[in-house]
Amino acid sequence: MPGQQVLQKRYTGPMKSTTIPPVRVEPKFREELEQSLEDGESIAALVEKAVRTEVARRRDHAEFVRRGMESIARSEAAGDWVPADEVLAKLDAKVAAARARQKAASA
């Protein structure tokens, strides 16, 4: 259909860039920010880099949580998981044993 071709061409072309909203900061922080810039770096470049880094961190975190939840679901379905109470009890026992050894060694 001719209309579909037009829509496809309209949305597959290069996208225009846009701006990130300005952020108000205290003058003291602005001075600190300006002092932290690397040679030839602008505040806009630093802000863009920081925003990109944070977006990537959040994306990676969301993916990490998603994979973790899938792993939990698979383990529960397969019945090969260990309840948290058992794991914590074993860890508590190891800590108690280590403290006992440390106490005996220092006595």
C-alpha atoms as a PDB file:
ATOM      1  CA  MET A   1       0.000   0.000   0.000  1.00  0.00           C
ATOM      2  CA  PRO A   2       1.347   3.443  -0.843  1.00  0.00           C
ATOM      3  CA  GLY A   3       0.494   4.889   2.598  1.00  0.00           C
ATOM      4  CA  GLN A   4       2.634   2.314   4.386  1.00  0.00           C
ATOM      5  CA  GLN A   5       5.666   3.167   2.292  1.00  0.00           C
ATOM      6  CA  VAL A   6       5.301   6.839   3.141  1.00  0.00           C
ATOM      7  CA  LEU A   7       5.039   6.110   6.877  1.00  0.00           C
ATOM      8  CA  GLN A   8       8.057   3.850   6.754  1.00  0.00           C
ATOM      9  CA  LYS A   9      10.142   6.449   4.944  1.00  0.00           C
ATOM     10  CA  ARG A  10       8.993   9.106   7.369  1.00  0.00           C
ATOM     11  CA  TYR A  11      10.159   7.210  10.458  1.00  0.00           C
ATOM     12  CA  THR A  12      13.337   5.571   9.195  1.00  0.00           C
ATOM     13  CA  GLY A  13      15.111   8.780   8.257  1.00  0.00           C
ATOM     14  CA  PRO A  14      17.687  10.413  10.510  1.00  0.00           C
ATOM     15  CA  MET A  15      16.203  11.764  13.716  1.00  0.00           C
ATOM     16  CA  LYS A  16      16.800  15.308  14.853  1.00  0.00           C
ATOM     17  CA  SER A  17      18.704  15.789  18.071  1.00  0.00           C
ATOM     18  CA  THR A  18      16.980  17.253  21.086  1.00  0.00           C
ATOM     19  CA  THR A  19      18.077  18.945  24.282  1.00  0.00           C
ATOM     20  CA  ILE A  20      18.096  17.798  27.876  1.00  0.00           C
ATOM     21  CA  PRO A  21      16.272  20.209  30.175  1.00  0.00           C
ATOM     22  CA  PRO A  22      18.526  22.683  31.980  1.00  0.00           C
ATOM     23  CA  VAL A  23      19.221  22.026  35.639  1.00  0.00           C
ATOM     24  CA  ARG A  24      19.521  24.782  38.204  1.00  0.00           C
ATOM     25  CA  VAL A  25      22.446  24.431  40.593  1.00  0.00           C
ATOM     26  CA  GLU A  26      23.968  26.555  43.310  1.00  0.00           C
ATOM     27  CA  PRO A  27      26.800  28.849  42.180  1.00  0.00           C
ATOM     28  CA  LYS A  28      29.267  26.995  44.419  1.00  0.00           C
ATOM     29  CA  PHE A  29      28.443  23.694  42.713  1.00  0.00           C
ATOM     30  CA  ARG A  30      28.748  25.351  39.288  1.00  0.00           C
ATOM     31  CA  GLU A  31      32.258  26.503  40.232  1.00  0.00           C
ATOM     32  CA  GLU A  32      33.149  22.989  41.402  1.00  0.00           C
ATOM     33  CA  LEU A  33      31.747  21.584  38.175  1.00  0.00           C
ATOM     34  CA  GLU A  34      33.765  23.990  36.051  1.00  0.00           C
ATOM     35  CA  GLN A  35      36.946  23.134  37.969  1.00  0.00           C
ATOM     36  CA  SER A  36      36.386  19.419  37.355  1.00  0.00           C
ATOM     37  CA  LEU A  37      36.214  19.765  33.574  1.00  0.00           C
ATOM     38  CA  GLU A  38      38.988  18.166  31.568  1.00  0.00           C
ATOM     39  CA  ASP A  39      40.915  20.169  28.963  1.00  0.00           C
ATOM     40  CA  GLY A  40      38.618  21.140  26.123  1.00  0.00           C
ATOM     41  CA  GLU A  41      35.543  19.641  27.824  1.00  0.00           C
ATOM     42  CA  SER A  42      32.354  21.664  28.101  1.00  0.00           C
ATOM     43  CA  ILE A  43      29.725  21.452  30.787  1.00  0.00           C
ATOM     44  CA  ALA A  44      27.285  20.233  28.138  1.00  0.00           C
ATOM     45  CA  ALA A  45      29.648  17.401  27.170  1.00  0.00           C
ATOM     46  CA  LEU A  46      30.108  16.403  30.807  1.00  0.00           C
ATOM     47  CA  VAL A  47      26.359  16.447  31.428  1.00  0.00           C
ATOM     48  CA  GLU A  48      25.697  14.373  28.316  1.00  0.00           C
ATOM     49  CA  LYS A  49      28.349  11.850  29.342  1.00  0.00           C
ATOM     50  CA  ALA A  50      26.921  11.643  32.870  1.00  0.00           C
ATOM     51  CA  VAL A  51      23.375  11.167  31.604  1.00  0.00           C
ATOM     52  CA  ARG A  52      24.455   8.489  29.117  1.00  0.00           C
ATOM     53  CA  THR A  53      26.403   6.691  31.849  1.00  0.00           C
ATOM     54  CA  GLU A  54      23.436   6.754  34.225  1.00  0.00           C
ATOM     55  CA  VAL A  55      21.009   5.560  31.545  1.00  0.00           C
ATOM     56  CA  ALA A  56      23.368   2.663  30.719  1.00  0.00           C
ATOM     57  CA  ARG A  57      23.749   1.837  34.433  1.00  0.00           C
ATOM     58  CA  ARG A  58      19.991   1.744  34.912  1.00  0.00           C
ATOM     59  CA  ARG A  59      19.532  -0.377  31.780  1.00  0.00           C
ATOM     60  CA  ASP A  60      22.204  -2.808  32.972  1.00  0.00           C
ATOM     61  CA  HIS A  61      20.685  -2.939  36.448  1.00  0.00           C
ATOM     62  CA  ALA A  62      17.227  -3.665  35.065  1.00  0.00           C
ATOM     63  CA  GLU A  63      18.688  -6.447  32.901  1.00  0.00           C
ATOM     64  CA  PHE A  64      20.575  -7.854  35.909  1.00  0.00           C
ATOM     65  CA  VAL A  65      17.376  -7.931  37.984  1.00  0.00           C
ATOM     66  CA  ARG A  66      15.419  -9.491  35.107  1.00  0.00           C
ATOM     67  CA  ARG A  67      18.005 -12.268  34.682  1.00  0.00           C
ATOM     68  CA  GLY A  68      18.080 -12.836  38.439  1.00  0.00           C
ATOM     69  CA  MET A  69      14.307 -13.172  38.611  1.00  0.00           C
ATOM     70  CA  GLU A  70      14.356 -15.623  35.681  1.00  0.00           C
ATOM     71  CA  SER A  71      17.068 -17.635  37.426  1.00  0.00           C
ATOM     72  CA  ILE A  72      15.050 -17.778  40.638  1.00  0.00           C
ATOM     73  CA  ALA A  73      11.967 -18.904  38.729  1.00  0.00           C
ATOM     74  CA  ARG A  74      13.958 -21.646  36.933  1.00  0.00           C
ATOM     75  CA  SER A  75      15.504 -22.874  40.177  1.00  0.00           C
ATOM     76  CA  GLU A  76      12.153 -22.973  41.951  1.00  0.00           C
ATOM     77  CA  ALA A  77      10.545 -24.785  39.024  1.00  0.00           C
ATOM     78  CA  ALA A  78      13.377 -27.332  38.936  1.00  0.00           C
ATOM     79  CA  GLY A  79      13.349 -27.697  42.719  1.00  0.00           C
ATOM     80  CA  ASP A  80      17.136 -27.258  42.943  1.00  0.00           C
ATOM     81  CA  TRP A  81      17.215 -24.112  45.047  1.00  0.00           C
ATOM     82  CA  VAL A  82      18.279 -23.664  48.665  1.00  0.00           C
ATOM     83  CA  PRO A  83      16.029 -21.612  50.939  1.00  0.00           C
ATOM     84  CA  ALA A  84      17.554 -18.363  52.199  1.00  0.00           C
ATOM     85  CA  ASP A  85      17.118 -19.452  55.841  1.00  0.00           C
ATOM     86  CA  GLU A  86      19.402 -22.449  55.243  1.00  0.00           C
ATOM     87  CA  VAL A  87      22.036 -20.336  53.534  1.00  0.00           C
ATOM     88  CA  LEU A  88      21.974 -17.733  56.303  1.00  0.00           C
ATOM     89  CA  ALA A  89      22.173 -20.421  59.001  1.00  0.00           C
ATOM     90  CA  LYS A  90      25.278 -21.910  57.331  1.00  0.00           C
ATOM     91  CA  LEU A  91      26.866 -18.469  57.048  1.00  0.00           C
ATOM     92  CA  ASP A  92      26.096 -17.704  60.705  1.00  0.00           C
ATOM     93  CA  ALA A  93      27.723 -21.009  61.705  1.00  0.00           C
ATOM     94  CA  LYS A  94      30.838 -20.152  59.669  1.00  0.00           C
ATOM     95  CA  VAL A  95      31.068 -16.702  61.271  1.00  0.00           C
ATOM     96  CA  ALA A  96      30.673 -18.204  64.754  1.00  0.00           C
ATOM     97  CA  ALA A  97      33.385 -20.789  64.022  1.00  0.00           C
ATOM     98  CA  ALA A  98      35.754 -18.112  62.708  1.00  0.00           C
ATOM     99  CA  ARG A  99      35.178 -15.949  65.782  1.00  0.00           C
ATOM    100  CA  ALA A 100      35.811 -18.953  68.035  1.00  0.00           C
ATOM    101  CA  ARG A 101      39.087 -19.688  66.216  1.00  0.00           C
ATOM    102  CA  GLN A 102      40.124 -16.031  66.431  1.00  0.00           C
ATOM    103  CA  LYS A 103      39.310 -15.940  70.150  1.00  0.00           C
ATOM    104  CA  ALA A 104      41.251 -19.155  70.776  1.00  0.00           C
ATOM    105  CA  ALA A 105      44.240 -17.861  68.815  1.00  0.00           C
ATOM    106  CA  SER A 106      44.361 -14.585  70.763  1.00  0.00           C
ATOM    107  CA  ALA A 107      44.041 -16.292  74.173  1.00  0.00           C
END
